[in-house]
Structure formats: structure tokens, C-alpha cells
Protein backbone atom coordinates (compact mmCIF):
# COMPACT_ATOMS: atom_id res chain seq x y z
CA UNK A 1 -37.34 1.75 5.06
CA UNK A 2 -34.95 -0.61 6.93
CA UNK A 3 -33.96 0.24 10.50
CA UNK A 4 -31.11 -1.97 12.18
CA UNK A 5 -30.09 -1.22 16.12
CA UNK A 6 -27.17 -2.85 16.93
CA UNK A 7 -26.35 -4.22 20.52
CA UNK A 8 -28.08 -1.56 22.92
CA UNK A 9 -27.25 -1.96 26.33
CA UNK A 10 -28.99 -0.97 29.38
CA UNK A 11 -30.30 2.85 29.21
CA UNK A 12 -27.67 5.07 30.90
CA UNK A 13 -29.26 8.93 32.03
CA UNK A 14 -27.39 12.20 31.75
CA UNK A 15 -27.42 13.92 34.92
CA UNK A 16 -30.31 15.85 35.61
CA UNK A 17 -31.26 19.26 37.64
CA UNK A 18 -34.30 19.52 39.30
CA UNK A 19 -36.56 17.83 36.53
CA UNK A 20 -34.08 18.23 33.56
CA UNK A 21 -32.78 15.39 31.98
CA UNK A 22 -31.48 13.28 29.02
CA UNK A 23 -31.36 9.55 29.16
CA UNK A 24 -29.88 7.79 26.13
CA UNK A 25 -29.24 3.82 25.16
CA UNK A 26 -25.64 2.73 26.24
CA UNK A 27 -22.47 2.59 23.85
CA UNK A 28 -23.44 1.52 20.16
CA UNK A 29 -22.12 -0.74 17.98
CA UNK A 30 -22.61 -0.98 14.52
CA UNK A 31 -21.81 -2.33 11.17
CA UNK A 32 -20.74 0.54 8.42
CA UNK A 33 -23.54 0.94 5.65
CA UNK A 34 -26.55 0.04 8.23
CA UNK A 35 -29.39 1.99 9.89
CA UNK A 36 -28.98 3.10 13.59
CA UNK A 37 -31.90 3.85 15.60
CA UNK A 38 -30.22 6.43 18.68
CA UNK A 39 -33.03 5.60 21.34
CA UNK A 40 -33.43 8.94 23.72
CA UNK A 41 -35.84 10.26 26.02
CA UNK A 42 -35.81 13.81 27.83
CA UNK A 43 -37.52 15.50 30.88
CA UNK A 44 -38.24 18.97 32.00
CA UNK A 45 -39.58 20.41 34.65
CA UNK A 46 -41.62 23.29 33.12
CA UNK A 47 -45.37 22.42 33.13
CA UNK A 48 -47.10 25.42 31.53
CA UNK A 49 -44.30 25.87 29.00
CA UNK A 50 -42.97 23.54 26.06
CA UNK A 51 -40.50 22.58 23.90
CA UNK A 52 -39.44 24.59 20.70
CA UNK A 53 -36.25 23.59 19.49
CA UNK A 54 -34.50 20.34 19.24
CA UNK A 55 -30.80 19.66 18.23
CA UNK A 56 -28.38 16.73 17.78
CA UNK A 57 -24.69 17.48 17.63
CA UNK A 58 -21.88 15.14 17.03
CA UNK A 59 -18.74 15.77 19.03
CA UNK A 60 -16.64 15.43 15.99
CA UNK A 61 -17.60 18.90 14.92
CA UNK A 62 -18.84 20.42 17.99
CA UNK A 63 -17.88 20.50 21.91
CA UNK A 64 -18.79 20.96 25.23
CA UNK A 65 -22.49 21.41 25.65
CA UNK A 66 -23.40 21.96 21.69
CA UNK A 67 -24.23 25.70 22.47
CA UNK A 68 -23.67 26.59 18.86
CA UNK A 69 -23.70 24.59 15.68
CA UNK A 70 -22.39 22.70 13.50
CA UNK A 71 -25.42 20.24 14.39
CA UNK A 72 -26.08 16.86 12.64
CA UNK A 73 -29.96 17.69 13.12
CA UNK A 74 -31.74 21.19 13.82
CA UNK A 75 -35.32 21.58 14.20
CA UNK A 76 -35.22 25.16 13.08
CA UNK A 77 -32.57 24.26 10.07
CA UNK A 78 -33.39 23.80 6.32
CA UNK A 79 -30.42 21.82 5.80
CA UNK A 80 -30.41 19.03 7.81
CA UNK A 81 -28.57 15.95 6.26
CA UNK A 82 -30.97 13.13 4.83
CA UNK A 83 -28.86 10.71 6.53
CA UNK A 84 -29.53 11.98 10.20
CA UNK A 85 -33.57 12.07 11.05
CA UNK A 86 -35.17 13.63 13.94
CA UNK A 87 -38.04 10.19 14.86
CA UNK A 88 -38.89 11.95 18.17
CA UNK A 89 -41.17 14.64 19.21
CA UNK A 90 -41.16 17.64 21.71
CA UNK A 91 -42.59 16.15 24.39
CA UNK A 92 -40.30 13.37 25.91
CA UNK A 93 -38.91 11.40 22.73
CA UNK A 94 -35.84 12.67 21.49
CA UNK A 95 -34.77 9.42 19.26
CA UNK A 96 -32.29 9.97 16.28
CA UNK A 97 -32.27 7.67 13.03
CA UNK A 98 -29.15 7.71 11.02
CA UNK A 99 -28.96 6.02 7.78
CA UNK A 100 -26.40 4.70 6.09
CA UNK A 101 -23.93 5.12 9.07
CA UNK A 102 -20.06 5.27 8.04
CA UNK A 103 -16.93 4.73 9.71
CA UNK A 104 -16.33 8.54 10.13
CA UNK A 105 -19.89 8.89 12.19
CA UNK A 106 -18.03 6.88 14.87
CA UNK A 107 -17.89 9.36 18.12
CA UNK A 108 -20.16 11.11 20.87
CA UNK A 109 -23.53 12.56 20.26
CA UNK A 110 -25.63 14.51 22.65
CA UNK A 111 -29.01 15.93 22.78
CA UNK A 112 -30.24 19.38 22.97
CA UNK A 113 -33.50 21.11 23.54
CA UNK A 114 -34.67 24.93 24.04
CA UNK A 115 -38.21 25.84 25.43
CA UNK A 116 -39.92 29.07 25.14
CA UNK A 117 -39.34 30.14 28.26
CA UNK A 118 -36.02 32.41 28.30
CA UNK A 119 -32.90 30.77 29.03
CA UNK A 120 -34.33 27.35 29.47
CA UNK A 121 -32.42 24.73 27.84
CA UNK A 122 -30.90 21.31 28.56
CA UNK A 123 -27.96 19.40 26.89
CA UNK A 124 -27.75 15.84 27.72
CA UNK A 125 -23.76 15.73 28.87
CA UNK A 126 -22.30 13.03 28.29
CA UNK A 127 -23.77 11.95 25.54
CA UNK A 128 -24.38 8.82 23.83
CA UNK A 129 -21.12 6.69 21.83
CA UNK A 130 -21.75 5.03 18.98
CA UNK A 131 -18.70 2.80 17.15
CA UNK A 132 -18.98 1.97 13.35
CA UNK A 133 -17.04 -0.75 12.03
CA UNK A 134 -17.08 -2.93 9.21
CA UNK A 135 -18.23 -6.43 8.81
CA UNK A 136 -14.89 -8.80 8.25
CA UNK A 137 -14.77 -12.13 6.17
CA UNK A 138 -12.17 -14.86 7.28
CA UNK A 139 -11.31 -18.00 6.02
CA UNK A 140 -10.09 -20.86 8.27
CA UNK A 141 -8.04 -22.89 5.27
CA UNK A 142 -4.32 -21.39 5.81
CA UNK A 143 -3.22 -21.91 2.28
CA UNK A 144 -3.57 -18.06 0.95
CA UNK A 145 -6.39 -17.74 -1.73
CA UNK A 146 -5.45 -21.29 -3.72
CA UNK A 147 -7.78 -24.25 -2.92
CA UNK A 148 -7.58 -27.78 -4.61
CA UNK A 149 -10.60 -29.07 -5.68
CA UNK A 150 -12.60 -31.23 -2.74
CA UNK A 151 -10.77 -29.20 -0.40
CA UNK A 152 -13.52 -27.86 2.28
CA UNK A 153 -13.24 -23.92 4.00
CA UNK A 154 -15.09 -22.30 6.38
CA UNK A 155 -15.81 -18.48 6.00
CA UNK A 156 -17.02 -16.47 9.00
CA UNK A 157 -18.40 -13.10 8.69
CA UNK A 158 -17.78 -11.42 11.77
CA UNK A 159 -17.81 -7.47 13.56
CA UNK A 160 -15.97 -6.27 15.96
CA UNK A 161 -19.12 -5.67 18.71
CA UNK A 162 -19.98 -7.37 21.82
CA UNK A 163 -22.25 -10.39 21.21
CA UNK A 164 -22.39 -11.33 17.60
CA UNK A 165 -24.25 -11.83 14.65
CA UNK A 166 -27.22 -14.44 14.80
CA UNK A 167 -28.02 -14.05 10.78
CA UNK A 168 -26.00 -12.59 7.82
CA UNK A 169 -26.48 -12.54 4.15
CA UNK A 170 -23.77 -14.50 1.92
CA UNK A 171 -22.85 -13.09 -1.63
CA UNK A 172 -20.51 -14.42 -4.44
CA UNK A 173 -19.00 -12.12 -6.85
CA UNK A 174 -21.70 -9.70 -6.09
CA UNK A 175 -24.66 -12.03 -6.64
CA UNK A 176 -26.99 -13.32 -3.07
CA UNK A 177 -26.85 -17.02 -1.86
CA UNK A 178 -28.91 -18.82 -0.05
CA UNK A 179 -26.76 -19.38 3.22
CA UNK A 180 -27.63 -16.75 6.09
CA UNK A 181 -25.12 -18.81 8.86
CA UNK A 182 -22.43 -16.29 9.85
CA UNK A 183 -20.16 -19.22 9.15
CA UNK A 184 -20.65 -20.40 5.66
CA UNK A 185 -18.98 -24.12 5.17
CA UNK A 186 -18.16 -24.88 1.73
CA UNK A 187 -17.43 -28.43 1.36
CA UNK A 188 -15.80 -30.70 -1.83
CA UNK A 189 -14.59 -27.42 -3.22
CA UNK A 190 -15.14 -27.79 -7.35
CA UNK A 191 -13.18 -25.34 -9.40
CA UNK A 192 -16.72 -23.21 -10.57
CA UNK A 193 -16.77 -22.00 -6.51
CA UNK A 194 -13.91 -19.93 -7.43
CA UNK A 195 -14.90 -16.07 -6.80
CA UNK A 196 -14.95 -13.11 -4.46
CA UNK A 197 -17.09 -13.57 -1.41
CA UNK A 198 -18.78 -11.15 0.89
CA UNK A 199 -21.25 -10.75 3.29
CA UNK A 200 -24.02 -8.42 4.83
CA UNK A 201 -26.84 -7.84 7.88
CA UNK A 202 -29.75 -9.96 7.30
CA UNK A 203 -31.93 -8.52 4.68
CA UNK A 204 -29.35 -5.57 3.06
CA UNK A 205 -29.29 -6.19 -0.75
CA UNK A 206 -25.73 -4.85 -0.89
CA UNK A 207 -22.61 -6.32 0.60
CA UNK A 208 -21.42 -4.36 3.61
CA UNK A 209 -18.19 -5.87 4.18
CA UNK A 210 -15.34 -3.86 4.06
CA UNK A 211 -13.22 -6.38 1.91
CA UNK A 212 -14.14 -9.46 -0.06
CA UNK A 213 -12.26 -12.72 0.02
CA UNK A 214 -11.03 -14.11 -3.08
CA UNK A 215 -11.45 -18.15 -3.35
CA UNK A 216 -9.56 -19.51 -6.26
CA UNK A 217 -10.03 -23.43 -6.49
CA UNK A 218 -7.24 -24.49 -8.56
CA UNK A 219 -7.14 -28.10 -10.36
CA UNK A 220 -4.57 -30.90 -9.05
CA UNK A 221 -3.52 -30.89 -13.07
CA UNK A 222 -2.98 -26.88 -12.92
CA UNK A 223 -1.53 -27.21 -9.42
CA UNK A 224 1.08 -29.73 -10.62
CA UNK A 225 1.56 -27.88 -13.61
CA UNK A 226 2.47 -24.64 -11.74
CA UNK A 227 4.88 -26.33 -9.22
CA UNK A 228 6.77 -27.74 -12.03
CA UNK A 229 7.31 -24.46 -13.77
CA UNK A 230 8.24 -22.67 -10.70
CA UNK A 231 10.92 -25.22 -10.02
CA UNK A 232 12.43 -24.79 -13.48
CA UNK A 233 12.71 -21.15 -13.01
CA UNK A 234 14.48 -21.36 -9.59
CA UNK A 235 16.82 -23.79 -10.74
CA UNK A 236 17.31 -21.80 -14.27
CA UNK A 237 17.82 -18.99 -12.22
CA UNK A 238 20.46 -20.42 -9.91
CA UNK A 239 22.55 -22.10 -12.46
CA UNK A 240 22.64 -18.49 -14.22
CA UNK A 241 23.74 -17.03 -10.99
CA UNK A 242 26.38 -20.11 -10.82
CA UNK A 243 27.89 -19.49 -14.08
CA UNK A 244 27.97 -15.57 -13.64
CA UNK A 245 30.47 -15.95 -10.44
CA UNK A 246 33.52 -17.65 -12.10
CA UNK A 247 33.12 -15.27 -15.23
CA UNK A 248 33.29 -12.17 -12.75
CA UNK A 249 36.45 -13.79 -10.79
CA UNK A 250 38.29 -14.67 -13.92
CA UNK A 251 37.79 -11.49 -15.57
CA UNK A 252 38.99 -9.86 -12.27
CA UNK A 253 42.17 -12.06 -12.56
CA UNK A 254 42.76 -10.99 -16.30
CA UNK A 255 42.51 -7.71 -15.23
CA UNK A 256 44.97 -7.87 -12.44
CA UNK A 257 47.26 -10.21 -14.51
CA UNK A 258 46.97 -7.60 -17.08
CA UNK A 259 48.21 -4.56 -14.97
CA UNK A 260 50.97 -6.69 -13.39
CA UNK A 261 52.38 -7.22 -16.80
CA UNK A 262 52.14 -4.06 -17.69
CA UNK A 263 53.84 -2.84 -14.57
CA UNK A 264 56.64 -5.36 -15.31
CA UNK A 265 57.34 -4.22 -18.60
CA UNK A 266 57.10 -0.55 -17.38
CA UNK A 267 60.10 -1.30 -14.70
CA UNK A 268 62.08 -3.22 -17.06
CA UNK A 269 62.06 -0.10 -19.43
CA UNK A 270 63.24 2.41 -16.90
CA UNK A 271 66.15 0.11 -16.03
CA UNK A 272 67.18 -0.17 -19.46
CA UNK A 273 67.30 3.42 -20.01
CA UNK A 274 69.62 3.85 -17.05
CA UNK A 275 72.00 1.82 -17.86
């Protein structure tokens, strides 16, 4: 099973009382789709007693001390999600494994344990913060999508987390490429290099980036043809608009003249009848 732990800083502890306590890794930043290990350990002072139940809760669906469910993991439940796996024990290790982590998994998580002594339980509060982001692909070339053969372009795979990515995997139209550097340099692009480019973390078989970047390498002949067609269409549209404006003006003047003449004839007829 592939496990991936991103940017774990020094350990922070949830304040303990008389030997009770839970220590988590500091805020975790991960890429969507990766597998994250939340490092955790706990202590309790009851030498002659043991832990009978362990739980993990998400503050997205729980609150305060996680006194009641729902839980993302409960050692006494039979319906735990396969994405959340407890890889610790009931002695001191409370580590949690989150598979295929999603953007909606971002938030605060807390560990809670209960001993076999009545009323003996503890929740690590505050918990550990997990932030999940999509990998992004950006392009150095200022032209949107269209590139002329022979041009060079740099594609960058990045993640909105502290530090940076040392190695990634690049995909073109879903097919794995050999390059592993976060910056993919494409020099002297031939037309066959057109396609959708995406990236993922190292050793992942599928792209993890939330969006793909479409690169279209346009031949110079085709580009000139497109420009000529665009210019012709613009000129035709402009000429048609100019022809329409005089016609509207002439129509309006005809209407006014006709109305004026009719009014004059009507006035003359009234004068004749009065005489």
C-alpha cells in the first residue's frame, strides 16, 4: 500500500492533566488523492488498567470533546470507513491512516480513548489540522493554449503547501511520461506535442492534479490561415454594419416625409371644406 505523508512539522501536544495527554503532528498539508499518515501518541497514568476503546472524530461532523458520534474510526464499531484506518495500538500509539484523502476531508481531527476504569477517558483537544489541496499545473508561456511549432514552454506542477514538491509524475493525455521534475520543460515543440498535461505525486499511477492543461501546437501555415479568416470575417461584419446604418436613416426619413405630406394634404382638404 502506498503511503504518503506531506509536510509534517514538529510534534504539538494536547495539554495533559496528571499524566493524561495526546500528542499530534503539527498541521498536515496533503494533495487530494494521496494517502496520509497522522502521527499520534497518547499517555495515561493508570498502571494497572488498560485502554479498551479508541476513537477518531472529525470536527466537520462532530464537536467539542467527541463525547458521542459520528466517528471516522471507532474500535468497537463494525461500519468504519475503509478510507480511515487505525494503525496504532491501545498502549501509546494512536496513529491514523487516511486513504485517498479528499478536499472535503480538510479540517480538525481529534483522538479519544477510554480505559476499562469507570469514567476514565481522554480526548486530545485541540486536535490536528489537515488541509487538502489539488495539485495545479501552470504554464509560463503567456499565450493561451495556442503555441507555434518551435516554441518552448515550461509547465509547473505545484501544491499550495509549505515547502515544495521534490519529485512528481507527469502525464500527457493520461499516459505516464518519464519526467519527474516539478517543472516540465518542453523545447522546440512539434505539432504532435499537442495534448492535455497533468501531474501527480511520485509513484502514483493516475493524475492527481485537479485540472489538466491543454497545449495546442498550431502550425505556422494554419496560424496564418486562421488570422486571415478572422480578418476577413471582421471586415465583412464591419461592412455589413456600415451598410445597415444608412438604410435605417433613409427608412426613417421616408417615414417622416410620408407622414408630413399626409398631414399637409389633410390640412388642405380641411381648408377647402371650410370655404
